Amino acid sequence: MSEQQSQQPNIHANGASGNRHRTGSNGNSEQHSAGSTGPAGAFSPRFAQIVGWGYHVPEKVITNFDLEQIVDTKDEWIRSRTGIEERHVAAAPSETSATLGILAGRAALEMADVTPSKVDLIICATSSPEHIFPSTASIIQDGLGASNAGAFDLSAACSGFVYGLSMARGHILAGDAEYVLVIGAETLSRIVDWTDRTTCVLFGDGSGAVLVAASDVPGGITATVLGSDGSGADLLTVPAGGSAMPASLETVSSGGHYIKMDGTAVFRFATRVMAEATRQVLGKAGLSVDDVDLVIPHQANVRIIQNSVFKQLKIPEDKVFINLQKYGNTSTASIPIALCEAIEAGKIKPGDNLVFVGFGAGLTWAACAIKWSVPIAKPEETWWRNTQRQAAYQAAAARSMWKRAIRRVYSQFPAKSRWGERKEESEAG
């Protein structure tokens, strides 16, 4: 066993009972909320650890200077008001929220050296799903070959990824899952009005994923805060396409299927709620602002981060990770992409206290506190392991095609086959 492997958290593989365990009422109790009973009857606490991470963005890049050729805007105006310099967009028709999510999910599984068949649940947070239904998560599940996983989409706009982490933590602490893959995947460029300079300059496409695992190593996702204020639902919305305003010639011609936003109102809401949610989740985790080693906020607008995290919380700039200048607002994908880049930049190490905090349409907000407890070095890659992975991906694709073909064949038969009729006649005789 390599040094890297020996440092990995001990993951429960025997199925936990889900018994609840409280250690007190001082805010730290949430870190020890569930566990399993071993052969000798000893209680083993369960923790929800992030053990794998990965991201993917489309190759196509649109800079602020490119946008100057499309709408009435300027690079300096965009930079000064948002901090954004460029964004990635899904230019190829084959690039969708699901395909981006599959690539990010593979990267997270490879980082953790976990096969797709071990995943129990896939949660895809997205504001730009493949379809109203089926869920994008189910398409990702099929693409990964995660044959034993349940899958569902989570709709909480830009807060969705942190909502997903909270759901993953709950399933693990309850003993219902050992591995949960949480993905934020977006192709917002498909629902942006590229003639509207107030929105088209803001958004980009991409995906990020983390694998959350049951572990007996203390730490991981220690506390979460989720919030919503539906009275502001009209401030950031895609009005048409749902049951309230079904698709029609009128909704299409009026641009009802594009993102609409009251930028001033959203800005005021975001600067207030980002600071409040951070304070709340730190209180639940039994931490102070001074205990925080790194904040990874939703990457929407640099001025929102400055007015909330820097000014209100007094957290210094070197403890806040920002990469929105490269990607713009990728909604649910922004925090996991930033997490991956923070790790690559050496900003995270075992023992660090992290905070993820976001806001979005709904209006929604969410924050989680994390005690990082796993190594950040990627397991050593071997040609044999890589060959195995590629073979598994190809096998998953072949299995999916085979199942589709079988369904097409069976669809040609009547509901009651001739064989069923013969069997009934034989039994009756």
Protein backbone atom coordinates (compact mmCIF):
# COMPACT_ATOMS: atom_id res chain seq x y z
CA MET A 1 0.00 0.00 0.00
CA SER A 2 1.35 3.41 -0.98
CA GLU A 3 1.77 6.30 1.45
CA GLN A 4 -1.02 8.14 -0.33
CA GLN A 5 -3.41 5.22 0.08
CA SER A 6 -2.51 4.74 3.73
CA GLN A 7 -3.49 8.34 4.45
CA GLN A 8 -6.97 8.03 2.99
CA PRO A 9 -9.89 8.06 5.46
CA ASN A 10 -11.19 4.66 6.52
CA ILE A 11 -14.42 4.31 4.58
CA HIS A 12 -17.22 2.22 6.07
CA ALA A 13 -18.12 -0.68 3.80
CA ASN A 14 -20.38 -2.72 6.07
CA GLY A 15 -23.46 -0.52 6.00
CA ALA A 16 -24.06 1.60 9.05
CA SER A 17 -27.06 1.33 11.30
CA GLY A 18 -27.68 5.06 11.21
CA ASN A 19 -28.07 5.36 15.00
CA ARG A 20 -27.89 8.98 16.11
CA HIS A 21 -25.27 10.12 18.58
CA ARG A 22 -25.12 13.51 20.29
CA THR A 23 -22.09 14.69 22.20
CA GLY A 24 -23.53 17.89 23.59
CA SER A 25 -25.40 21.06 22.74
CA ASN A 26 -22.55 23.49 22.11
CA GLY A 27 -22.70 23.53 18.32
CA ASN A 28 -20.02 20.87 17.83
CA SER A 29 -22.54 18.07 18.23
CA GLU A 30 -23.37 18.09 14.52
CA GLN A 31 -19.94 16.68 13.77
CA HIS A 32 -20.87 13.40 15.51
CA SER A 33 -24.48 12.84 14.56
CA ALA A 34 -24.48 9.25 13.33
CA GLY A 35 -22.46 6.08 13.30
CA SER A 36 -22.40 2.31 13.21
CA THR A 37 -22.03 -0.39 15.81
CA GLY A 38 -19.07 -2.72 15.40
CA PRO A 39 -18.83 -6.45 16.15
CA ALA A 40 -18.01 -5.81 19.83
CA GLY A 41 -20.85 -3.33 20.22
CA ALA A 42 -18.56 -0.28 20.20
CA PHE A 43 -20.03 2.82 18.61
CA SER A 44 -18.15 4.15 15.57
CA PRO A 45 -19.04 7.72 14.56
CA ARG A 46 -19.69 8.50 10.89
CA PHE A 47 -18.43 11.57 9.12
CA ALA A 48 -19.07 12.87 5.61
CA GLN A 49 -15.69 13.48 3.98
CA ILE A 50 -14.93 14.95 0.55
CA VAL A 51 -12.52 12.38 -0.87
CA GLY A 52 -12.59 13.17 -4.60
CA TRP A 53 -12.99 16.28 -6.72
CA GLY A 54 -12.83 17.30 -10.38
CA TYR A 55 -14.09 19.81 -12.91
CA HIS A 56 -14.48 20.39 -16.62
CA VAL A 57 -15.12 23.48 -18.72
CA PRO A 58 -15.73 23.79 -22.47
CA GLU A 59 -12.80 24.79 -24.68
CA LYS A 60 -14.57 27.76 -26.29
CA VAL A 61 -13.71 31.06 -24.55
CA ILE A 62 -15.54 34.36 -25.02
CA THR A 63 -13.64 37.39 -23.75
CA ASN A 64 -15.00 40.80 -22.86
CA PHE A 65 -13.50 42.07 -26.11
CA ASP A 66 -15.50 39.45 -28.00
CA LEU A 67 -18.65 40.73 -26.32
CA GLU A 68 -17.85 44.25 -27.48
CA GLN A 69 -18.53 42.98 -31.00
CA ILE A 70 -21.92 41.54 -29.99
CA VAL A 71 -23.55 44.06 -27.63
CA ASP A 72 -23.05 47.65 -26.55
CA THR A 73 -20.54 47.09 -23.74
CA LYS A 74 -16.87 47.60 -22.92
CA ASP A 75 -14.21 45.45 -21.32
CA GLU A 76 -13.48 48.11 -18.70
CA TRP A 77 -17.17 48.38 -17.79
CA ILE A 78 -17.51 44.61 -17.29
CA ARG A 79 -14.28 44.31 -15.28
CA SER A 80 -15.04 47.23 -12.98
CA ARG A 81 -18.58 46.10 -12.19
CA THR A 82 -18.17 42.31 -12.09
CA GLY A 83 -14.49 41.36 -12.12
CA ILE A 84 -15.13 39.04 -15.08
CA GLU A 85 -12.64 38.96 -17.96
CA GLU A 86 -13.75 35.90 -19.90
CA ARG A 87 -16.07 32.93 -19.74
CA HIS A 88 -16.22 29.40 -21.24
CA VAL A 89 -19.25 28.44 -23.32
CA ALA A 90 -20.52 25.15 -24.70
CA ALA A 91 -20.22 25.86 -28.43
CA ALA A 92 -20.58 22.30 -29.73
CA PRO A 93 -24.09 20.79 -29.82
CA SER A 94 -22.66 17.65 -28.17
CA GLU A 95 -21.69 19.68 -25.10
CA THR A 96 -24.56 19.64 -22.65
CA SER A 97 -25.00 19.88 -18.89
CA ALA A 98 -24.94 16.07 -18.72
CA THR A 99 -21.79 15.57 -20.80
CA LEU A 100 -19.97 18.23 -18.78
CA GLY A 101 -21.21 16.61 -15.59
CA ILE A 102 -20.03 13.18 -16.69
CA LEU A 103 -16.49 14.46 -17.28
CA ALA A 104 -16.38 16.22 -13.90
CA GLY A 105 -17.80 13.14 -12.20
CA ARG A 106 -15.17 10.90 -13.77
CA ALA A 107 -12.43 13.24 -12.56
CA ALA A 108 -13.78 13.14 -9.00
CA LEU A 109 -14.02 9.35 -8.99
CA GLU A 110 -10.52 9.02 -10.41
CA MET A 111 -9.16 11.38 -7.75
CA ALA A 112 -10.68 9.17 -5.05
CA ASP A 113 -9.73 5.96 -6.92
CA VAL A 114 -13.33 4.76 -6.56
CA THR A 115 -15.17 2.84 -9.27
CA PRO A 116 -18.58 4.10 -10.46
CA SER A 117 -20.26 0.89 -9.30
CA LYS A 118 -19.55 1.84 -5.67
CA VAL A 119 -21.52 5.10 -5.87
CA ASP A 120 -24.84 4.91 -4.02
CA LEU A 121 -26.35 8.24 -5.04
CA ILE A 122 -25.77 10.98 -7.63
CA ILE A 123 -27.10 14.48 -6.98
CA CYS A 124 -26.89 16.92 -9.88
CA ALA A 125 -27.47 20.56 -8.97
CA THR A 126 -28.29 22.49 -12.13
CA SER A 127 -30.18 25.53 -13.38
CA SER A 128 -29.86 24.41 -17.01
CA PRO A 129 -30.94 20.75 -17.07
CA GLU A 130 -31.04 18.61 -20.18
CA HIS A 131 -34.83 18.37 -19.96
CA ILE A 132 -37.63 19.16 -17.53
CA PHE A 133 -37.52 15.41 -17.08
CA PRO A 134 -35.84 12.94 -17.07
CA SER A 135 -33.29 14.23 -14.60
CA THR A 136 -29.86 15.23 -15.80
CA ALA A 137 -28.51 13.18 -12.88
CA SER A 138 -29.99 10.00 -14.39
CA ILE A 139 -28.28 10.70 -17.71
CA ILE A 140 -25.00 11.28 -15.86
CA GLN A 141 -25.52 8.06 -13.90
CA ASP A 142 -25.87 6.13 -17.15
CA GLY A 143 -22.85 7.86 -18.69
CA LEU A 144 -20.66 7.06 -15.70
CA GLY A 145 -21.78 3.46 -15.53
CA ALA A 146 -22.85 3.94 -11.90
CA SER A 147 -25.19 0.97 -12.09
CA ASN A 148 -25.94 0.85 -8.36
CA ALA A 149 -26.68 4.55 -7.85
CA GLY A 150 -29.92 6.42 -7.41
CA ALA A 151 -29.99 9.81 -9.10
CA PHE A 152 -31.94 13.05 -8.92
CA ASP A 153 -31.64 16.71 -9.89
CA LEU A 154 -31.62 19.49 -7.31
CA SER A 155 -33.00 22.91 -8.25
CA ALA A 156 -31.81 25.70 -5.95
CA ALA A 157 -30.12 27.86 -8.60
CA CYS A 158 -26.61 29.04 -7.71
CA SER A 159 -26.98 27.74 -4.12
CA GLY A 160 -27.64 24.26 -5.48
CA PHE A 161 -24.18 22.75 -5.03
CA VAL A 162 -24.08 23.54 -1.31
CA TYR A 163 -27.66 22.28 -1.00
CA GLY A 164 -26.39 19.08 -2.63
CA LEU A 165 -23.56 18.76 -0.11
CA SER A 166 -26.10 19.08 2.69
CA MET A 167 -28.22 16.31 1.15
CA ALA A 168 -25.16 14.09 0.72
CA ARG A 169 -24.14 14.64 4.33
CA GLY A 170 -27.64 13.72 5.51
CA HIS A 171 -27.71 10.46 3.52
CA ILE A 172 -24.30 9.46 4.82
CA LEU A 173 -24.92 10.32 8.48
CA ALA A 174 -28.23 8.47 8.32
CA GLY A 175 -26.40 5.38 7.08
CA ASP A 176 -28.28 5.33 3.78
CA ALA A 177 -25.19 5.74 1.58
CA GLU A 178 -21.45 5.22 1.64
CA TYR A 179 -20.56 7.24 -1.45
CA VAL A 180 -22.53 10.21 -2.81
CA LEU A 181 -21.42 12.06 -5.95
CA VAL A 182 -22.48 15.72 -5.91
CA ILE A 183 -22.24 17.54 -9.24
CA GLY A 184 -22.87 21.12 -10.31
CA ALA A 185 -23.30 21.27 -14.09
CA GLU A 186 -24.38 24.22 -16.23
CA THR A 187 -24.77 25.33 -19.83
CA LEU A 188 -26.20 28.75 -19.02
CA SER A 189 -25.10 30.08 -22.41
CA ARG A 190 -28.09 28.20 -23.85
CA ILE A 191 -30.57 30.30 -21.81
CA VAL A 192 -28.83 33.68 -22.01
CA ASP A 193 -30.11 36.44 -24.30
CA TRP A 194 -26.95 37.46 -26.14
CA THR A 195 -28.53 40.80 -27.01
CA ASP A 196 -29.06 41.69 -23.34
CA ARG A 197 -25.84 43.24 -22.05
CA THR A 198 -27.04 43.18 -18.43
CA THR A 199 -27.00 39.36 -18.34
CA CYS A 200 -24.94 37.97 -21.23
CA VAL A 201 -21.70 39.37 -19.77
CA LEU A 202 -22.20 37.50 -16.49
CA PHE A 203 -22.68 33.82 -17.18
CA GLY A 204 -20.51 30.92 -18.31
CA ASP A 205 -20.63 27.15 -18.67
CA GLY A 206 -18.85 24.41 -16.75
CA SER A 207 -19.14 21.60 -14.26
CA GLY A 208 -17.60 20.55 -10.98
CA ALA A 209 -18.02 17.46 -8.82
CA VAL A 210 -17.05 16.07 -5.45
CA LEU A 211 -17.33 12.56 -4.06
CA VAL A 212 -18.57 12.52 -0.47
CA ALA A 213 -17.79 9.35 1.47
CA ALA A 214 -18.67 7.85 4.83
CA SER A 215 -15.60 7.86 7.05
CA ASP A 216 -14.56 7.32 10.66
CA VAL A 217 -12.02 10.16 10.44
CA PRO A 218 -13.37 13.21 12.33
CA GLY A 219 -14.11 16.25 10.20
CA GLY A 220 -15.54 16.62 6.73
CA ILE A 221 -18.83 18.48 6.26
CA THR A 222 -19.50 19.53 9.84
CA ALA A 223 -22.41 21.96 9.52
CA THR A 224 -24.78 23.38 6.91
CA VAL A 225 -27.20 26.29 6.64
CA LEU A 226 -29.94 26.43 3.98
CA GLY A 227 -32.31 29.31 3.38
CA SER A 228 -34.98 30.60 1.02
CA ASP A 229 -37.12 33.72 0.52
CA GLY A 230 -39.64 33.03 -2.22
CA SER A 231 -40.99 36.57 -2.06
CA GLY A 232 -38.03 37.47 -4.27
CA ALA A 233 -38.67 34.73 -6.82
CA ASP A 234 -39.26 37.24 -9.60
CA LEU A 235 -35.89 38.97 -9.14
CA LEU A 236 -33.91 36.27 -10.95
CA THR A 237 -35.89 33.94 -13.16
CA VAL A 238 -36.49 32.23 -16.48
CA PRO A 239 -40.19 33.12 -16.76
CA ALA A 240 -41.39 30.72 -19.47
CA GLY A 241 -41.24 26.99 -20.01
CA GLY A 242 -42.96 25.83 -16.82
CA SER A 243 -46.58 25.26 -15.86
CA ALA A 244 -47.16 28.96 -15.12
CA MET A 245 -46.17 30.03 -18.63
CA PRO A 246 -45.99 27.04 -21.00
CA ALA A 247 -43.94 27.36 -24.15
CA SER A 248 -45.76 29.08 -27.00
CA LEU A 249 -45.03 31.28 -29.98
CA GLU A 250 -45.61 34.28 -27.74
CA THR A 251 -43.17 33.17 -25.02
CA VAL A 252 -40.50 32.41 -27.59
CA SER A 253 -40.92 35.67 -29.51
CA SER A 254 -40.89 37.72 -26.30
CA GLY A 255 -37.72 36.07 -24.97
CA GLY A 256 -39.48 34.48 -22.03
CA HIS A 257 -37.12 31.50 -22.03
CA TYR A 258 -34.05 33.63 -21.27
CA ILE A 259 -32.64 34.66 -17.89
CA LYS A 260 -34.20 37.84 -16.49
CA MET A 261 -32.63 39.61 -13.52
CA ASP A 262 -33.12 42.68 -11.35
CA GLY A 263 -29.40 43.22 -10.82
CA THR A 264 -29.65 45.90 -8.13
CA ALA A 265 -32.06 43.93 -5.96
CA VAL A 266 -30.05 40.71 -6.29
CA PHE A 267 -26.85 42.59 -5.39
CA ARG A 268 -28.38 43.96 -2.18
CA PHE A 269 -29.76 40.57 -1.22
CA ALA A 270 -26.49 38.76 -1.94
CA THR A 271 -24.20 41.10 -0.01
CA ARG A 272 -26.41 40.74 3.08
CA VAL A 273 -27.12 37.02 2.98
CA MET A 274 -23.57 35.86 2.14
CA ALA A 275 -22.26 37.38 5.37
CA GLU A 276 -25.22 36.21 7.46
CA ALA A 277 -25.06 32.62 6.21
CA THR A 278 -21.32 32.46 6.85
CA ARG A 279 -21.76 33.62 10.45
CA GLN A 280 -24.59 31.15 11.02
CA VAL A 281 -22.74 28.11 9.70
CA LEU A 282 -19.61 28.98 11.67
CA GLY A 283 -21.74 29.23 14.80
CA LYS A 284 -23.26 25.80 14.14
CA ALA A 285 -19.78 24.36 13.66
CA GLY A 286 -18.49 25.95 16.85
CA LEU A 287 -16.02 28.16 14.98
CA SER A 288 -15.26 31.86 14.79
CA VAL A 289 -14.37 33.93 11.75
CA ASP A 290 -10.75 33.88 12.92
CA ASP A 291 -10.76 30.06 12.73
CA VAL A 292 -11.46 30.09 8.99
CA ASP A 293 -8.53 29.20 6.73
CA LEU A 294 -10.31 29.64 3.39
CA VAL A 295 -13.70 30.85 2.13
CA ILE A 296 -14.85 29.68 -1.28
CA PRO A 297 -17.83 31.86 -2.19
CA HIS A 298 -20.17 31.55 -5.14
CA GLN A 299 -18.34 33.21 -8.02
CA ALA A 300 -20.97 35.67 -9.26
CA ASN A 301 -19.56 39.16 -8.88
CA VAL A 302 -16.35 40.36 -7.27
CA ARG A 303 -18.10 43.37 -5.74
CA ILE A 304 -20.56 41.08 -3.92
CA ILE A 305 -17.63 39.16 -2.45
CA GLN A 306 -15.85 42.38 -1.49
CA ASN A 307 -18.93 43.87 0.19
CA SER A 308 -19.88 40.72 2.08
CA VAL A 309 -16.83 38.59 2.86
CA PHE A 310 -14.15 41.30 2.96
CA LYS A 311 -16.00 44.26 4.48
CA GLN A 312 -18.68 42.68 6.68
CA LEU A 313 -16.84 39.58 7.88
CA LYS A 314 -13.39 41.23 7.87
CA ILE A 315 -11.85 38.13 6.29
CA PRO A 316 -8.58 39.05 4.54
CA GLU A 317 -8.23 38.61 0.80
CA ASP A 318 -5.62 35.86 1.12
CA LYS A 319 -8.26 33.70 2.84
CA VAL A 320 -10.83 34.05 0.06
CA PHE A 321 -10.48 32.20 -3.24
CA ILE A 322 -11.71 33.99 -6.36
CA ASN A 323 -11.47 32.72 -9.94
CA LEU A 324 -14.55 34.32 -11.54
CA GLN A 325 -12.33 36.42 -13.79
CA LYS A 326 -11.73 33.26 -15.85
CA TYR A 327 -15.17 31.66 -15.82
CA GLY A 328 -17.84 34.22 -14.99
CA ASN A 329 -20.88 33.01 -13.08
CA THR A 330 -21.20 29.27 -13.66
CA SER A 331 -24.03 28.98 -11.12
CA THR A 332 -24.00 25.57 -9.41
CA ALA A 333 -20.58 24.75 -10.88
CA SER A 334 -18.79 27.82 -9.53
CA ILE A 335 -17.93 26.56 -6.03
CA PRO A 336 -16.69 23.07 -7.05
CA ILE A 337 -14.61 24.56 -9.89
CA ALA A 338 -13.11 27.05 -7.44
CA LEU A 339 -12.46 24.26 -4.93
CA CYS A 340 -10.50 22.27 -7.50
CA GLU A 341 -8.43 25.30 -8.49
CA ALA A 342 -7.81 26.22 -4.85
CA ILE A 343 -6.42 22.73 -4.26
CA GLU A 344 -4.28 22.99 -7.39
CA ALA A 345 -2.95 26.35 -6.14
CA GLY A 346 -1.93 24.85 -2.78
CA LYS A 347 -4.51 26.87 -0.85
CA ILE A 348 -5.93 23.85 1.02
CA LYS A 349 -4.23 21.35 3.31
CA PRO A 350 -5.42 18.75 5.84
CA GLY A 351 -6.67 20.37 9.03
CA ASP A 352 -7.95 23.54 7.33
CA ASN A 353 -11.36 24.99 8.13
CA LEU A 354 -13.25 25.87 4.94
CA VAL A 355 -16.52 27.64 4.27
CA PHE A 356 -18.53 27.31 1.06
CA VAL A 357 -21.23 29.97 0.75
CA GLY A 358 -23.58 30.86 -2.09
CA PHE A 359 -26.82 32.56 -3.09
CA GLY A 360 -29.13 32.30 -6.04
CA ALA A 361 -32.55 32.53 -7.59
CA GLY A 362 -35.43 31.50 -5.42
CA LEU A 363 -34.24 33.50 -3.62
CA THR A 364 -31.99 30.93 -1.96
CA TRP A 365 -28.79 30.85 0.05
CA ALA A 366 -26.62 28.14 1.55
CA ALA A 367 -23.38 27.68 3.46
CA CYS A 368 -21.41 24.75 4.78
CA ALA A 369 -18.43 24.41 7.10
CA ILE A 370 -15.81 21.79 6.28
CA LYS A 371 -12.88 20.47 8.27
CA TRP A 372 -10.59 19.27 5.49
CA SER A 373 -9.28 15.91 6.63
CA VAL A 374 -7.98 14.10 3.55
CA PRO A 375 -4.75 14.30 1.54
CA ILE A 376 -4.81 16.54 -1.51
CA ALA A 377 -2.28 14.64 -3.63
CA LYS A 378 -3.76 12.60 -6.47
CA PRO A 379 -3.15 8.84 -6.26
CA GLU A 380 -0.31 7.65 -8.46
CA GLU A 381 -1.55 6.93 -11.96
CA THR A 382 -0.48 3.71 -13.67
CA TRP A 383 -1.03 2.66 -17.24
CA TRP A 384 -2.86 -0.44 -16.03
CA ARG A 385 -5.27 1.53 -13.82
CA ASN A 386 -5.92 4.01 -16.61
CA THR A 387 -6.56 1.16 -19.04
CA GLN A 388 -9.03 -0.37 -16.60
CA ARG A 389 -10.90 2.91 -16.28
CA GLN A 390 -11.15 3.44 -20.02
CA ALA A 391 -12.36 -0.13 -20.46
CA ALA A 392 -15.00 0.43 -17.76
CA TYR A 393 -16.23 3.61 -19.49
CA GLN A 394 -16.46 1.79 -22.82
CA ALA A 395 -18.27 -1.10 -21.18
CA ALA A 396 -20.75 1.31 -19.60
CA ALA A 397 -21.44 2.91 -22.98
CA ALA A 398 -21.87 -0.51 -24.61
CA ARG A 399 -24.20 -1.66 -21.82
CA SER A 400 -26.33 1.46 -22.24
CA MET A 401 -26.58 0.96 -26.01
CA TRP A 402 -27.47 -2.71 -25.54
CA LYS A 403 -30.26 -1.91 -23.07
CA ARG A 404 -31.67 0.72 -25.43
CA ALA A 405 -31.58 -1.78 -28.31
CA ILE A 406 -33.37 -4.43 -26.23
CA ARG A 407 -36.10 -1.94 -25.32
CA ARG A 408 -36.59 -1.08 -28.99
CA VAL A 409 -36.93 -4.75 -29.85
CA TYR A 410 -39.42 -5.43 -27.07
CA SER A 411 -41.43 -2.37 -28.06
CA GLN A 412 -42.28 -4.14 -31.33
CA PHE A 413 -44.16 -6.91 -29.48
CA PRO A 414 -47.72 -6.50 -28.19
CA ALA A 415 -48.20 -6.02 -24.48
CA LYS A 416 -49.13 -9.69 -24.11
CA SER A 417 -46.73 -11.86 -26.03
CA ARG A 418 -47.58 -15.09 -27.82
CA TRP A 419 -45.46 -16.96 -25.28
CA GLY A 420 -47.57 -15.59 -22.43
CA GLU A 421 -50.74 -16.65 -24.19
CA ARG A 422 -49.41 -20.20 -24.76
CA LYS A 423 -48.41 -20.48 -21.11
CA GLU A 424 -51.90 -19.49 -19.95
CA GLU A 425 -53.48 -22.00 -22.37
CA SER A 426 -51.19 -24.75 -21.09
CA GLU A 427 -52.03 -24.01 -17.47
CA ALA A 428 -55.75 -23.89 -18.24
CA GLY A 429 -55.58 -27.30 -19.99
